Amino acid sequence: MSKIMFDYTKSILERVSFDPSLFCKELEKAIRTLLPYEIEQLREWLFDFTFEKPELKQCLLIVN
């Protein structure tokens, strides 16, 4: 079931990536619900996802 939650989290973050403040808010919710190893996977995914989206880089501070 946790894989489903991780995939769901990624899809939500992709959908709200047009708005940095909403993206950060959803990321904070994800951190509260995901397991520690999933947070590590999310961190890796975020670095790739935000590579060409500098407006979202500020949200990376949440997972660090």
C-alpha atoms as a PDB file:
ATOM      1  CA  MET A   1       0.000   0.000   0.000  1.00  0.00           C
ATOM      2  CA  SER A   2       2.846   2.418   0.705  1.00  0.00           C
ATOM      3  CA  LYS A   3       3.964   2.279  -2.939  1.00  0.00           C
ATOM      4  CA  ILE A   4       0.487   3.464  -3.870  1.00  0.00           C
ATOM      5  CA  MET A   5       0.757   6.394  -1.454  1.00  0.00           C
ATOM      6  CA  PHE A   6       4.190   7.313  -2.787  1.00  0.00           C
ATOM      7  CA  ASP A   7       2.946   7.286  -6.394  1.00  0.00           C
ATOM      8  CA  TYR A   8      -0.125   9.272  -5.398  1.00  0.00           C
ATOM      9  CA  THR A   9       2.078  11.863  -3.697  1.00  0.00           C
ATOM     10  CA  LYS A  10       4.220  12.249  -6.807  1.00  0.00           C
ATOM     11  CA  SER A  11       1.164  12.701  -9.011  1.00  0.00           C
ATOM     12  CA  ILE A  12      -0.240  15.387  -6.691  1.00  0.00           C
ATOM     13  CA  LEU A  13       3.081  17.236  -6.637  1.00  0.00           C
ATOM     14  CA  GLU A  14       3.297  17.119 -10.428  1.00  0.00           C
ATOM     15  CA  ARG A  15      -0.224  18.551 -10.716  1.00  0.00           C
ATOM     16  CA  VAL A  16       0.402  21.469  -8.358  1.00  0.00           C
ATOM     17  CA  SER A  17       3.888  22.322  -9.614  1.00  0.00           C
ATOM     18  CA  PHE A  18       2.506  25.418 -11.360  1.00  0.00           C
ATOM     19  CA  ASP A  19       2.214  27.139  -7.950  1.00  0.00           C
ATOM     20  CA  PRO A  20       5.298  27.070  -5.682  1.00  0.00           C
ATOM     21  CA  SER A  21       3.388  27.834  -2.475  1.00  0.00           C
ATOM     22  CA  LEU A  22       0.845  25.082  -3.132  1.00  0.00           C
ATOM     23  CA  PHE A  23       3.684  22.735  -4.074  1.00  0.00           C
ATOM     24  CA  CYS A  24       5.409  23.412  -0.741  1.00  0.00           C
ATOM     25  CA  LYS A  25       2.158  22.904   1.163  1.00  0.00           C
ATOM     26  CA  GLU A  26       1.522  19.546  -0.521  1.00  0.00           C
ATOM     27  CA  LEU A  27       5.127  18.547   0.081  1.00  0.00           C
ATOM     28  CA  GLU A  28       4.730  19.244   3.796  1.00  0.00           C
ATOM     29  CA  LYS A  29       1.631  17.035   3.869  1.00  0.00           C
ATOM     30  CA  ALA A  30       3.534  14.293   2.070  1.00  0.00           C
ATOM     31  CA  ILE A  31       6.364  14.422   4.617  1.00  0.00           C
ATOM     32  CA  ARG A  32       3.842  13.854   7.415  1.00  0.00           C
ATOM     33  CA  THR A  33       2.274  10.798   5.756  1.00  0.00           C
ATOM     34  CA  LEU A  34       5.133   8.962   4.062  1.00  0.00           C
ATOM     35  CA  LEU A  35       7.452   6.483   5.718  1.00  0.00           C
ATOM     36  CA  PRO A  36      11.124   7.427   6.253  1.00  0.00           C
ATOM     37  CA  TYR A  37      12.457   5.393   3.323  1.00  0.00           C
ATOM     38  CA  GLU A  38       9.743   6.855   1.092  1.00  0.00           C
ATOM     39  CA  ILE A  39      10.803  10.352   2.092  1.00  0.00           C
ATOM     40  CA  GLU A  40      14.307   9.488   0.904  1.00  0.00           C
ATOM     41  CA  GLN A  41      12.890   8.294  -2.429  1.00  0.00           C
ATOM     42  CA  LEU A  42      10.807  11.453  -2.635  1.00  0.00           C
ATOM     43  CA  ARG A  43      13.911  13.570  -2.012  1.00  0.00           C
ATOM     44  CA  GLU A  44      15.693  11.897  -4.928  1.00  0.00           C
ATOM     45  CA  TRP A  45      12.647  12.315  -7.159  1.00  0.00           C
ATOM     46  CA  LEU A  46      12.358  15.996  -6.174  1.00  0.00           C
ATOM     47  CA  PHE A  47      15.951  16.755  -7.157  1.00  0.00           C
ATOM     48  CA  ASP A  48      15.254  15.361 -10.618  1.00  0.00           C
ATOM     49  CA  PHE A  49      11.821  16.960 -10.911  1.00  0.00           C
ATOM     50  CA  THR A  50      12.929  20.448  -9.856  1.00  0.00           C
ATOM     51  CA  PHE A  51      16.133  20.461 -11.893  1.00  0.00           C
ATOM     52  CA  GLU A  52      14.572  22.645 -14.599  1.00  0.00           C
ATOM     53  CA  LYS A  53      12.063  24.370 -12.324  1.00  0.00           C
ATOM     54  CA  PRO A  54      14.040  26.926 -10.299  1.00  0.00           C
ATOM     55  CA  GLU A  55      10.864  28.374  -8.785  1.00  0.00           C
ATOM     56  CA  LEU A  56      10.355  25.094  -6.892  1.00  0.00           C
ATOM     57  CA  LYS A  57      13.917  24.798  -5.555  1.00  0.00           C
ATOM     58  CA  GLN A  58      12.959  26.667  -2.365  1.00  0.00           C
ATOM     59  CA  CYS A  59      10.654  23.776  -1.448  1.00  0.00           C
ATOM     60  CA  LEU A  60      13.601  21.385  -1.312  1.00  0.00           C
ATOM     61  CA  LEU A  61      14.462  22.906   2.065  1.00  0.00           C
ATOM     62  CA  ILE A  62      11.412  21.118   3.472  1.00  0.00           C
ATOM     63  CA  VAL A  63      12.851  17.662   2.806  1.00  0.00           C
ATOM     64  CA  ASN A  64      16.394  18.498   3.929  1.00  0.00           C
END
